Amino acid sequence: MASHEIVLYDIPSRPPCRAWSLNTWRVRLILNYKNIPYRTEWLEYPDIKPKLSPHFPGQQIETYTVPTIALPDGREHIMNSRQIAKVLEAKYPSPPLLLDSPIAKRVTGLLIKIWDAIEVIILTHVHKRLLDEVNFPFWRETREPWLNPDHATKDAAGDQWKTLDTAEAELYANGGALLDECWANAGPAVDEIAQILRESPEGPFFCGEKVSFSDFQWIGFLLFIRRIGQDQWDKMKASAKDFEPHEELLRAASDWIKRDDH
């Protein structure tokens, strides 16, 4: 590793490999925004724990995740997008990133509402459209329990256990009625985020002309949905009454979005 580069650990997509994860996008956007030298090391899901666990000795960590970065000396590794943001802001303060703003909790709360409304869409479509086959066993093992919150184990649930395949079939049954319902439930929160973006007349960011971590949270989510597929992007747009602030935000961030494959 070049001594001046940060390493960003990210999850690859199917070829051609490009960034897709909403969480790792947050850190990638910070690195691009601050013009910090970095390179990407792609890790398939089964490889994350074996790769990262040696770098967190003595720490009680139940789940090793990305984004994780390695600082240029290669010795210090940081996990979790918000913690990474704090470290990067301290070490690379220019241009500044507003880490905490009055609207941060509102944006995070609305993101959770949107996720809850479309979780089944995300779980099934990431599996079918973005992940390489080597990740399928891991994704099924870790994500199918999310589809079955009322069951302790797959064995105990028996025939009542919902698989990713059965969940996807339910989404597209009856002309995709359930899929449309999920997006309709997400629409009000998408519009609330648009309203927050419009609160500052200076725009286009949540805090007017100042770039904040909340911007990268939301931009990462928008890019994630767009990567899942044009059909889901179109449904997200159709679910909202006012989508222009979101597209204006993406246009404002266009220079930081370009680097998505290395």
C-alpha atoms as a PDB file:
ATOM      1  CA  MET A   1       0.000   0.000   0.000  1.00  0.00           C
ATOM      2  CA  ALA A   2       1.326   3.426  -0.907  1.00  0.00           C
ATOM      3  CA  SER A   3       2.182   5.293   2.269  1.00  0.00           C
ATOM      4  CA  HIS A   4      -0.020   8.261   1.422  1.00  0.00           C
ATOM      5  CA  GLU A   5      -3.185   6.297   0.635  1.00  0.00           C
ATOM      6  CA  ILE A   6      -6.136   5.304   2.763  1.00  0.00           C
ATOM      7  CA  VAL A   7      -7.662   1.902   2.025  1.00  0.00           C
ATOM      8  CA  LEU A   8     -11.453   1.798   1.780  1.00  0.00           C
ATOM      9  CA  TYR A   9     -12.927  -1.657   2.201  1.00  0.00           C
ATOM     10  CA  ASP A  10     -16.067  -1.970   0.100  1.00  0.00           C
ATOM     11  CA  ILE A  11     -18.342  -4.710  -1.241  1.00  0.00           C
ATOM     12  CA  PRO A  12     -18.106  -5.427  -4.968  1.00  0.00           C
ATOM     13  CA  SER A  13     -21.062  -5.739  -7.279  1.00  0.00           C
ATOM     14  CA  ARG A  14     -21.406  -8.139 -10.144  1.00  0.00           C
ATOM     15  CA  PRO A  15     -19.161  -7.183 -13.082  1.00  0.00           C
ATOM     16  CA  PRO A  16     -18.539  -4.482 -13.977  1.00  0.00           C
ATOM     17  CA  CYS A  17     -17.679  -3.800 -10.341  1.00  0.00           C
ATOM     18  CA  ARG A  18     -19.044  -0.525  -8.976  1.00  0.00           C
ATOM     19  CA  ALA A  19     -19.936   0.809  -5.539  1.00  0.00           C
ATOM     20  CA  TRP A  20     -23.510   0.152  -4.437  1.00  0.00           C
ATOM     21  CA  SER A  21     -23.763  -0.118  -0.635  1.00  0.00           C
ATOM     22  CA  LEU A  22     -25.454   2.887   0.956  1.00  0.00           C
ATOM     23  CA  ASN A  23     -23.178   2.632   4.006  1.00  0.00           C
ATOM     24  CA  THR A  24     -19.878   2.471   2.161  1.00  0.00           C
ATOM     25  CA  TRP A  25     -21.051   5.216  -0.207  1.00  0.00           C
ATOM     26  CA  ARG A  26     -21.135   7.587   2.786  1.00  0.00           C
ATOM     27  CA  VAL A  27     -17.402   7.155   3.344  1.00  0.00           C
ATOM     28  CA  ARG A  28     -16.551   7.104  -0.360  1.00  0.00           C
ATOM     29  CA  LEU A  29     -18.356  10.426  -0.751  1.00  0.00           C
ATOM     30  CA  ILE A  30     -16.361  11.947   2.127  1.00  0.00           C
ATOM     31  CA  LEU A  31     -13.087  10.770   0.603  1.00  0.00           C
ATOM     32  CA  ASN A  32     -14.058  12.136  -2.809  1.00  0.00           C
ATOM     33  CA  TYR A  33     -15.360  15.406  -1.355  1.00  0.00           C
ATOM     34  CA  LYS A  34     -12.172  16.005   0.600  1.00  0.00           C
ATOM     35  CA  ASN A  35      -9.988  14.752  -2.276  1.00  0.00           C
ATOM     36  CA  ILE A  36      -8.179  12.349   0.057  1.00  0.00           C
ATOM     37  CA  PRO A  37      -5.903   9.823  -1.692  1.00  0.00           C
ATOM     38  CA  TYR A  38      -7.333   6.338  -1.309  1.00  0.00           C
ATOM     39  CA  ARG A  39      -7.736   3.012  -3.009  1.00  0.00           C
ATOM     40  CA  THR A  40     -10.552   0.496  -2.746  1.00  0.00           C
ATOM     41  CA  GLU A  41     -10.068  -3.064  -1.566  1.00  0.00           C
ATOM     42  CA  TRP A  42     -13.128  -5.084  -2.505  1.00  0.00           C
ATOM     43  CA  LEU A  43     -14.293  -7.729  -0.033  1.00  0.00           C
ATOM     44  CA  GLU A  44     -17.027 -10.260  -0.660  1.00  0.00           C
ATOM     45  CA  TYR A  45     -19.236 -10.788   2.392  1.00  0.00           C
ATOM     46  CA  PRO A  46     -17.628 -14.087   3.518  1.00  0.00           C
ATOM     47  CA  ASP A  47     -14.191 -12.428   3.397  1.00  0.00           C
ATOM     48  CA  ILE A  48     -14.985  -9.427   5.612  1.00  0.00           C
ATOM     49  CA  LYS A  49     -14.477 -11.013   9.024  1.00  0.00           C
ATOM     50  CA  PRO A  50     -11.287 -12.954   8.128  1.00  0.00           C
ATOM     51  CA  LYS A  51      -9.775  -9.811   6.619  1.00  0.00           C
ATOM     52  CA  LEU A  52     -10.742  -7.329   9.322  1.00  0.00           C
ATOM     53  CA  SER A  53     -10.668  -9.270  12.589  1.00  0.00           C
ATOM     54  CA  PRO A  54      -6.839  -9.269  12.903  1.00  0.00           C
ATOM     55  CA  HIS A  55      -6.901  -5.465  12.819  1.00  0.00           C
ATOM     56  CA  PHE A  56      -9.129  -5.132  15.891  1.00  0.00           C
ATOM     57  CA  PRO A  57      -7.267  -7.255  18.463  1.00  0.00           C
ATOM     58  CA  GLY A  58      -8.752  -7.459  21.928  1.00  0.00           C
ATOM     59  CA  GLN A  59     -11.992  -5.756  20.902  1.00  0.00           C
ATOM     60  CA  GLN A  60     -15.330  -7.439  21.499  1.00  0.00           C
ATOM     61  CA  ILE A  61     -16.890  -7.131  18.043  1.00  0.00           C
ATOM     62  CA  GLU A  62     -19.923  -9.275  17.207  1.00  0.00           C
ATOM     63  CA  THR A  63     -20.140  -8.267  13.552  1.00  0.00           C
ATOM     64  CA  TYR A  64     -17.312  -7.087  11.319  1.00  0.00           C
ATOM     65  CA  THR A  65     -18.672  -4.775   8.677  1.00  0.00           C
ATOM     66  CA  VAL A  66     -17.782  -2.339   5.964  1.00  0.00           C
ATOM     67  CA  PRO A  67     -17.240   0.500   5.586  1.00  0.00           C
ATOM     68  CA  THR A  68     -13.908   0.116   7.282  1.00  0.00           C
ATOM     69  CA  ILE A  69     -10.829   2.134   6.410  1.00  0.00           C
ATOM     70  CA  ALA A  70      -7.133   1.603   7.000  1.00  0.00           C
ATOM     71  CA  LEU A  71      -5.192   4.800   7.596  1.00  0.00           C
ATOM     72  CA  PRO A  72      -2.049   5.354   5.514  1.00  0.00           C
ATOM     73  CA  ASP A  73       0.322   3.748   8.018  1.00  0.00           C
ATOM     74  CA  GLY A  74      -1.679   0.527   7.663  1.00  0.00           C
ATOM     75  CA  ARG A  75      -1.779  -0.008  11.419  1.00  0.00           C
ATOM     76  CA  GLU A  76      -4.942   1.873  12.408  1.00  0.00           C
ATOM     77  CA  HIS A  77      -8.296   0.628  11.132  1.00  0.00           C
ATOM     78  CA  ILE A  78     -11.644   2.323  11.783  1.00  0.00           C
ATOM     79  CA  MET A  79     -15.067   0.727  11.353  1.00  0.00           C
ATOM     80  CA  ASN A  80     -18.505   2.421  11.137  1.00  0.00           C
ATOM     81  CA  SER A  81     -19.266   5.285   8.780  1.00  0.00           C
ATOM     82  CA  ARG A  82     -19.918   7.923  11.435  1.00  0.00           C
ATOM     83  CA  GLN A  83     -16.767   7.056  13.371  1.00  0.00           C
ATOM     84  CA  ILE A  84     -14.797   7.111  10.132  1.00  0.00           C
ATOM     85  CA  ALA A  85     -16.291  10.525   9.330  1.00  0.00           C
ATOM     86  CA  LYS A  86     -15.092  11.896  12.685  1.00  0.00           C
ATOM     87  CA  VAL A  87     -11.564  10.614  12.129  1.00  0.00           C
ATOM     88  CA  LEU A  88     -11.379  11.928   8.566  1.00  0.00           C
ATOM     89  CA  GLU A  89     -12.694  15.333   9.595  1.00  0.00           C
ATOM     90  CA  ALA A  90     -10.063  15.572  12.335  1.00  0.00           C
ATOM     91  CA  LYS A  91      -7.194  14.503  10.084  1.00  0.00           C
ATOM     92  CA  TYR A  92      -8.344  16.223   6.881  1.00  0.00           C
ATOM     93  CA  PRO A  93     -10.334  19.291   8.014  1.00  0.00           C
ATOM     94  CA  SER A  94     -10.479  21.014   4.613  1.00  0.00           C
ATOM     95  CA  PRO A  95     -12.936  21.274   3.022  1.00  0.00           C
ATOM     96  CA  PRO A  96     -15.021  21.068   6.168  1.00  0.00           C
ATOM     97  CA  LEU A  97     -17.778  18.522   6.722  1.00  0.00           C
ATOM     98  CA  LEU A  98     -20.566  19.417   9.125  1.00  0.00           C
ATOM     99  CA  LEU A  99     -20.852  16.259  11.213  1.00  0.00           C
ATOM    100  CA  ASP A 100     -23.707  17.291  13.478  1.00  0.00           C
ATOM    101  CA  SER A 101     -26.517  19.596  12.455  1.00  0.00           C
ATOM    102  CA  PRO A 102     -29.960  20.423  13.827  1.00  0.00           C
ATOM    103  CA  ILE A 103     -31.591  18.293  11.159  1.00  0.00           C
ATOM    104  CA  ALA A 104     -29.379  15.209  11.538  1.00  0.00           C
ATOM    105  CA  LYS A 105     -31.776  13.267  13.768  1.00  0.00           C
ATOM    106  CA  ARG A 106     -34.720  14.124  11.528  1.00  0.00           C
ATOM    107  CA  VAL A 107     -32.962  12.835   8.415  1.00  0.00           C
ATOM    108  CA  THR A 108     -31.809   9.658  10.157  1.00  0.00           C
ATOM    109  CA  GLY A 109     -35.306   9.000  11.503  1.00  0.00           C
ATOM    110  CA  LEU A 110     -36.851   9.412   8.058  1.00  0.00           C
ATOM    111  CA  LEU A 111     -34.228   7.144   6.513  1.00  0.00           C
ATOM    112  CA  ILE A 112     -35.226   4.457   8.998  1.00  0.00           C
ATOM    113  CA  LYS A 113     -38.890   4.903   8.055  1.00  0.00           C
ATOM    114  CA  ILE A 114     -38.080   4.520   4.359  1.00  0.00           C
ATOM    115  CA  TRP A 115     -35.915   1.465   5.006  1.00  0.00           C
ATOM    116  CA  ASP A 116     -38.662  -0.164   7.072  1.00  0.00           C
ATOM    117  CA  ALA A 117     -41.197   0.450   4.303  1.00  0.00           C
ATOM    118  CA  ILE A 118     -39.085  -1.095   1.521  1.00  0.00           C
ATOM    119  CA  GLU A 119     -36.852  -3.522   3.413  1.00  0.00           C
ATOM    120  CA  VAL A 120     -38.259  -6.550   1.613  1.00  0.00           C
ATOM    121  CA  ILE A 121     -37.538  -4.876  -1.740  1.00  0.00           C
ATOM    122  CA  ILE A 122     -33.965  -4.167  -0.711  1.00  0.00           C
ATOM    123  CA  LEU A 123     -33.259  -7.644   0.668  1.00  0.00           C
ATOM    124  CA  THR A 124     -34.583  -9.460  -2.380  1.00  0.00           C
ATOM    125  CA  HIS A 125     -33.201  -7.148  -5.061  1.00  0.00           C
ATOM    126  CA  VAL A 126     -29.675  -6.848  -3.652  1.00  0.00           C
ATOM    127  CA  HIS A 127     -29.565 -10.629  -3.682  1.00  0.00           C
ATOM    128  CA  LYS A 128     -30.851 -10.996  -7.246  1.00  0.00           C
ATOM    129  CA  ARG A 129     -29.293  -7.967  -8.924  1.00  0.00           C
ATOM    130  CA  LEU A 130     -26.129  -6.813  -7.198  1.00  0.00           C
ATOM    131  CA  LEU A 131     -24.326  -9.612  -5.369  1.00  0.00           C
ATOM    132  CA  ASP A 132     -22.051 -12.165  -6.949  1.00  0.00           C
ATOM    133  CA  GLU A 133     -22.975 -15.793  -6.358  1.00  0.00           C
ATOM    134  CA  VAL A 134     -20.258 -16.344  -3.756  1.00  0.00           C
ATOM    135  CA  ASN A 135     -22.280 -14.121  -1.392  1.00  0.00           C
ATOM    136  CA  PHE A 136     -25.597 -15.948  -1.716  1.00  0.00           C
ATOM    137  CA  PRO A 137     -25.224 -18.342   1.254  1.00  0.00           C
ATOM    138  CA  PHE A 138     -24.109 -15.501   3.543  1.00  0.00           C
ATOM    139  CA  TRP A 139     -26.912 -13.220   2.389  1.00  0.00           C
ATOM    140  CA  ARG A 140     -29.572 -15.886   2.873  1.00  0.00           C
ATOM    141  CA  GLU A 141     -28.263 -16.887   6.288  1.00  0.00           C
ATOM    142  CA  THR A 142     -28.066 -13.336   7.619  1.00  0.00           C
ATOM    143  CA  ARG A 143     -30.993 -11.635   5.851  1.00  0.00           C
ATOM    144  CA  GLU A 144     -33.759 -14.212   5.805  1.00  0.00           C
ATOM    145  CA  PRO A 145     -34.167 -13.871   9.594  1.00  0.00           C
ATOM    146  CA  TRP A 146     -35.051 -10.223   8.932  1.00  0.00           C
ATOM    147  CA  LEU A 147     -37.980 -11.485   6.865  1.00  0.00           C
ATOM    148  CA  ASN A 148     -39.065 -13.772   9.709  1.00  0.00           C
ATOM    149  CA  PRO A 149     -39.048 -11.657  12.884  1.00  0.00           C
ATOM    150  CA  ASP A 150     -41.718 -13.807  14.541  1.00  0.00           C
ATOM    151  CA  HIS A 151     -39.666 -17.009  14.291  1.00  0.00           C
ATOM    152  CA  ALA A 152     -36.686 -17.847  16.456  1.00  0.00           C
ATOM    153  CA  THR A 153     -35.066 -20.238  13.987  1.00  0.00           C
ATOM    154  CA  LYS A 154     -35.580 -21.543  10.488  1.00  0.00           C
ATOM    155  CA  ASP A 155     -35.968 -25.125  11.745  1.00  0.00           C
ATOM    156  CA  ALA A 156     -38.624 -24.131  14.271  1.00  0.00           C
ATOM    157  CA  ALA A 157     -40.541 -22.139  11.662  1.00  0.00           C
ATOM    158  CA  GLY A 158     -40.708 -25.045   9.216  1.00  0.00           C
ATOM    159  CA  ASP A 159     -42.983 -24.305   6.263  1.00  0.00           C
ATOM    160  CA  GLN A 160     -43.759 -20.863   7.670  1.00  0.00           C
ATOM    161  CA  TRP A 161     -40.177 -19.682   7.055  1.00  0.00           C
ATOM    162  CA  LYS A 162     -40.120 -17.003   4.353  1.00  0.00           C
ATOM    163  CA  THR A 163     -37.165 -17.251   1.986  1.00  0.00           C
ATOM    164  CA  LEU A 164     -35.796 -14.496  -0.215  1.00  0.00           C
ATOM    165  CA  ASP A 165     -37.312 -16.259  -3.214  1.00  0.00           C
ATOM    166  CA  THR A 166     -40.778 -16.504  -1.693  1.00  0.00           C
ATOM    167  CA  ALA A 167     -40.589 -12.878  -0.540  1.00  0.00           C
ATOM    168  CA  GLU A 168     -39.698 -11.772  -4.057  1.00  0.00           C
ATOM    169  CA  ALA A 169     -42.551 -13.822  -5.517  1.00  0.00           C
ATOM    170  CA  GLU A 170     -44.976 -12.134  -3.115  1.00  0.00           C
ATOM    171  CA  LEU A 171     -43.713  -8.703  -4.174  1.00  0.00           C
ATOM    172  CA  TYR A 172     -44.456  -9.351  -7.831  1.00  0.00           C
ATOM    173  CA  ALA A 173     -47.687 -11.287  -7.419  1.00  0.00           C
ATOM    174  CA  ASN A 174     -50.893  -9.623  -8.634  1.00  0.00           C
ATOM    175  CA  GLY A 175     -49.022  -7.306 -10.945  1.00  0.00           C
ATOM    176  CA  GLY A 176     -46.591  -6.148  -8.258  1.00  0.00           C
ATOM    177  CA  ALA A 177     -49.287  -4.882  -5.900  1.00  0.00           C
ATOM    178  CA  LEU A 178     -47.210  -5.431  -2.751  1.00  0.00           C
ATOM    179  CA  LEU A 179     -44.145  -3.806  -4.291  1.00  0.00           C
ATOM    180  CA  ASP A 180     -46.208  -0.725  -5.155  1.00  0.00           C
ATOM    181  CA  GLU A 181     -47.649  -0.705  -1.642  1.00  0.00           C
ATOM    182  CA  CYS A 182     -44.158  -0.718  -0.121  1.00  0.00           C
ATOM    183  CA  TRP A 183     -43.113   2.291  -2.177  1.00  0.00           C
ATOM    184  CA  ALA A 184     -46.382   4.079  -1.400  1.00  0.00           C
ATOM    185  CA  ASN A 185     -45.626   3.644   2.301  1.00  0.00           C
ATOM    186  CA  ALA A 186     -42.161   5.117   1.788  1.00  0.00           C
ATOM    187  CA  GLY A 187     -43.373   8.127  -0.205  1.00  0.00           C
ATOM    188  CA  PRO A 188     -44.389  10.418   2.692  1.00  0.00           C
ATOM    189  CA  ALA A 189     -40.953  10.114   4.321  1.00  0.00           C
ATOM    190  CA  VAL A 190     -39.246  10.764   0.967  1.00  0.00           C
ATOM    191  CA  ASP A 191     -41.313  13.945   0.717  1.00  0.00           C
ATOM    192  CA  GLU A 192     -40.455  14.961   4.279  1.00  0.00           C
ATOM    193  CA  ILE A 193     -36.781  14.773   3.365  1.00  0.00           C
ATOM    194  CA  ALA A 194     -37.518  16.947   0.315  1.00  0.00           C
ATOM    195  CA  GLN A 195     -39.188  19.462   2.623  1.00  0.00           C
ATOM    196  CA  ILE A 196     -36.081  19.573   4.832  1.00  0.00           C
ATOM    197  CA  LEU A 197     -33.935  20.193   1.752  1.00  0.00           C
ATOM    198  CA  ARG A 198     -36.220  23.093   0.823  1.00  0.00           C
ATOM    199  CA  GLU A 199     -36.034  24.650   4.313  1.00  0.00           C
ATOM    200  CA  SER A 200     -32.740  26.347   3.501  1.00  0.00           C
ATOM    201  CA  PRO A 201     -33.245  28.787   0.610  1.00  0.00           C
ATOM    202  CA  GLU A 202     -29.499  28.818  -0.112  1.00  0.00           C
ATOM    203  CA  GLY A 203     -29.579  25.070  -0.893  1.00  0.00           C
ATOM    204  CA  PRO A 204     -28.955  22.583  -2.334  1.00  0.00           C
ATOM    205  CA  PHE A 205     -27.723  20.773   0.805  1.00  0.00           C
ATOM    206  CA  PHE A 206     -29.600  20.171   4.041  1.00  0.00           C
ATOM    207  CA  CYS A 207     -27.675  23.027   5.640  1.00  0.00           C
ATOM    208  CA  GLY A 208     -27.805  25.361   2.673  1.00  0.00           C
ATOM    209  CA  GLU A 209     -24.353  25.809   1.183  1.00  0.00           C
ATOM    210  CA  LYS A 210     -22.645  23.742   3.898  1.00  0.00           C
ATOM    211  CA  VAL A 211     -22.008  20.077   3.204  1.00  0.00           C
ATOM    212  CA  SER A 212     -22.968  17.777   6.075  1.00  0.00           C
ATOM    213  CA  PHE A 213     -22.750  14.104   6.924  1.00  0.00           C
ATOM    214  CA  SER A 214     -26.544  14.000   6.540  1.00  0.00           C
ATOM    215  CA  ASP A 215     -26.147  14.897   2.866  1.00  0.00           C
ATOM    216  CA  PHE A 216     -23.902  11.902   2.340  1.00  0.00           C
ATOM    217  CA  GLN A 217     -26.278   9.639   4.261  1.00  0.00           C
ATOM    218  CA  TRP A 218     -29.117  10.560   1.929  1.00  0.00           C
ATOM    219  CA  ILE A 219     -27.044  10.690  -1.258  1.00  0.00           C
ATOM    220  CA  GLY A 220     -25.715   7.223  -0.433  1.00  0.00           C
ATOM    221  CA  PHE A 221     -29.273   5.941  -0.134  1.00  0.00           C
ATOM    222  CA  LEU A 222     -30.337   7.541  -3.419  1.00  0.00           C
ATOM    223  CA  LEU A 223     -27.349   6.028  -5.222  1.00  0.00           C
ATOM    224  CA  PHE A 224     -28.135   2.667  -3.650  1.00  0.00           C
ATOM    225  CA  ILE A 225     -31.700   2.652  -4.993  1.00  0.00           C
ATOM    226  CA  ARG A 226     -30.507   3.810  -8.401  1.00  0.00           C
ATOM    227  CA  ARG A 227     -27.992   0.946  -8.505  1.00  0.00           C
ATOM    228  CA  ILE A 228     -30.677  -1.607  -7.641  1.00  0.00           C
ATOM    229  CA  GLY A 229     -32.337  -0.761 -10.923  1.00  0.00           C
ATOM    230  CA  GLN A 230     -34.047   1.871 -13.028  1.00  0.00           C
ATOM    231  CA  ASP A 231     -37.421   0.265 -12.288  1.00  0.00           C
ATOM    232  CA  GLN A 232     -37.031   0.800  -8.540  1.00  0.00           C
ATOM    233  CA  TRP A 233     -35.623   4.304  -9.055  1.00  0.00           C
ATOM    234  CA  ASP A 234     -38.695   5.155 -11.124  1.00  0.00           C
ATOM    235  CA  LYS A 235     -40.991   3.752  -8.435  1.00  0.00           C
ATOM    236  CA  MET A 236     -39.233   5.812  -5.776  1.00  0.00           C
ATOM    237  CA  LYS A 237     -39.715   8.943  -7.871  1.00  0.00           C
ATOM    238  CA  ALA A 238     -43.362   8.072  -8.480  1.00  0.00           C
ATOM    239  CA  SER A 239     -43.938   7.576  -4.738  1.00  0.00           C
ATOM    240  CA  ALA A 240     -43.024  11.201  -4.017  1.00  0.00           C
ATOM    241  CA  LYS A 241     -44.945  14.381  -4.701  1.00  0.00           C
ATOM    242  CA  ASP A 242     -41.781  16.479  -4.882  1.00  0.00           C
ATOM    243  CA  PHE A 243     -38.635  14.726  -6.111  1.00  0.00           C
ATOM    244  CA  GLU A 244     -36.760  17.714  -7.552  1.00  0.00           C
ATOM    245  CA  PRO A 245     -34.796  18.523  -4.343  1.00  0.00           C
ATOM    246  CA  HIS A 246     -33.343  15.016  -4.370  1.00  0.00           C
ATOM    247  CA  GLU A 247     -32.229  15.281  -7.985  1.00  0.00           C
ATOM    248  CA  GLU A 248     -30.811  18.750  -7.316  1.00  0.00           C
ATOM    249  CA  LEU A 249     -28.800  17.290  -4.439  1.00  0.00           C
ATOM    250  CA  LEU A 250     -27.405  14.593  -6.720  1.00  0.00           C
ATOM    251  CA  ARG A 251     -26.461  17.200  -9.320  1.00  0.00           C
ATOM    252  CA  ALA A 252     -24.656  19.228  -6.655  1.00  0.00           C
ATOM    253  CA  ALA A 253     -22.718  16.129  -5.605  1.00  0.00           C
ATOM    254  CA  SER A 254     -21.955  14.950  -9.142  1.00  0.00           C
ATOM    255  CA  ASP A 255     -18.187  15.471  -8.857  1.00  0.00           C
ATOM    256  CA  TRP A 256     -18.062  13.311  -5.717  1.00  0.00           C
ATOM    257  CA  ILE A 257     -20.176  10.560  -7.261  1.00  0.00           C
ATOM    258  CA  LYS A 258     -18.032   9.974 -10.338  1.00  0.00           C
ATOM    259  CA  ARG A 259     -15.448   7.766  -8.663  1.00  0.00           C
ATOM    260  CA  ASP A 260     -17.316   4.558  -7.908  1.00  0.00           C
ATOM    261  CA  ASP A 261     -15.155   1.737  -9.225  1.00  0.00           C
ATOM    262  CA  HIS A 262     -11.707   2.041  -7.643  1.00  0.00           C
END
